[in-house]
Amino acid sequence: MTAVQTVASQRFISAMGSLVENQSAVDQVLSYIEWMKHPSNFPMITMEKLEEHGMPLNVAMDKLRDKARKYYQA
């Protein structure tokens, strides 16, 4: 391992903190890193297209907030 790789590894582990023990969190970070390497593989959609094919974003967010409130109040 090169010195640059060693330093980067240490920074990654430090940044993750205790999450480094959570396999799901590590997988999410690694997925994001993979996406950063190949951003064209990530589907992009405009807000207008999103609203054409579904409900307006503000309505969806209101529903999501309501579900979250109900979940955490239970």
Protein backbone atom coordinates (compact mmCIF):
# COMPACT_ATOMS: atom_id res chain seq x y z
CA MET A 1 0.00 0.00 0.00
CA THR A 2 1.37 3.42 -0.91
CA ALA A 3 1.70 6.25 1.59
CA VAL A 4 -1.18 8.07 -0.12
CA GLN A 5 -3.40 4.99 0.20
CA THR A 6 -2.45 4.56 3.86
CA VAL A 7 -3.29 8.17 4.67
CA ALA A 8 -6.57 7.95 2.72
CA SER A 9 -7.49 4.73 4.55
CA GLN A 10 -6.81 6.33 7.91
CA ARG A 11 -8.88 9.37 6.97
CA PHE A 12 -11.76 7.16 5.81
CA ILE A 13 -11.73 5.17 9.06
CA SER A 14 -11.48 8.36 11.12
CA ALA A 15 -14.35 10.01 9.24
CA MET A 16 -16.56 6.93 9.65
CA GLY A 17 -15.90 6.83 13.39
CA SER A 18 -17.99 4.18 15.12
CA LEU A 19 -19.99 3.69 11.90
CA VAL A 20 -17.04 1.71 10.55
CA GLU A 21 -18.43 -1.21 12.57
CA ASN A 22 -21.81 -0.90 10.82
CA GLN A 23 -21.59 -2.90 7.58
CA SER A 24 -24.64 -1.18 6.10
CA ALA A 25 -23.12 2.28 6.67
CA VAL A 26 -19.82 1.19 5.12
CA ASP A 27 -21.68 -0.26 2.12
CA GLN A 28 -23.58 3.01 1.64
CA VAL A 29 -20.36 5.03 1.69
CA LEU A 30 -18.69 2.63 -0.74
CA SER A 31 -21.71 2.82 -3.06
CA TYR A 32 -21.48 6.60 -3.02
CA ILE A 33 -17.77 6.44 -3.80
CA GLU A 34 -18.50 4.10 -6.74
CA TRP A 35 -21.12 6.55 -8.00
CA MET A 36 -18.59 9.39 -7.74
CA LYS A 37 -16.24 7.38 -9.96
CA HIS A 38 -18.98 6.83 -12.58
CA PRO A 39 -21.64 9.57 -12.11
CA SER A 40 -23.13 8.97 -15.56
CA ASN A 41 -24.51 5.63 -14.27
CA PHE A 42 -26.74 7.49 -11.82
CA PRO A 43 -30.18 8.23 -13.27
CA MET A 44 -30.92 11.94 -13.38
CA ILE A 45 -34.41 13.39 -13.55
CA THR A 46 -35.63 16.96 -13.47
CA MET A 47 -38.20 18.14 -10.97
CA GLU A 48 -40.61 18.79 -13.83
CA LYS A 49 -40.31 15.21 -15.11
CA LEU A 50 -40.69 13.86 -11.59
CA GLU A 51 -43.90 15.81 -11.07
CA GLU A 52 -45.22 14.70 -14.50
CA HIS A 53 -44.95 11.05 -13.44
CA GLY A 54 -46.10 11.36 -9.87
CA MET A 55 -47.27 13.72 -7.22
CA PRO A 56 -45.73 17.15 -6.73
CA LEU A 57 -42.66 17.09 -4.50
CA ASN A 58 -44.23 19.27 -1.81
CA VAL A 59 -47.16 16.83 -1.51
CA ALA A 60 -44.80 13.85 -1.33
CA MET A 61 -42.69 15.57 1.35
CA ASP A 62 -45.79 16.43 3.38
CA LYS A 63 -46.86 12.78 3.30
CA LEU A 64 -43.37 11.65 4.27
CA ARG A 65 -43.27 14.11 7.20
CA ASP A 66 -46.68 12.89 8.37
CA LYS A 67 -45.56 9.25 8.25
CA ALA A 68 -42.39 10.08 10.16
CA ARG A 69 -44.35 11.97 12.85
CA LYS A 70 -46.76 9.07 13.27
CA TYR A 71 -43.91 6.56 13.43
CA TYR A 72 -41.97 8.45 16.08
CA GLN A 73 -45.07 9.26 18.14
CA ALA A 74 -45.97 5.56 18.38
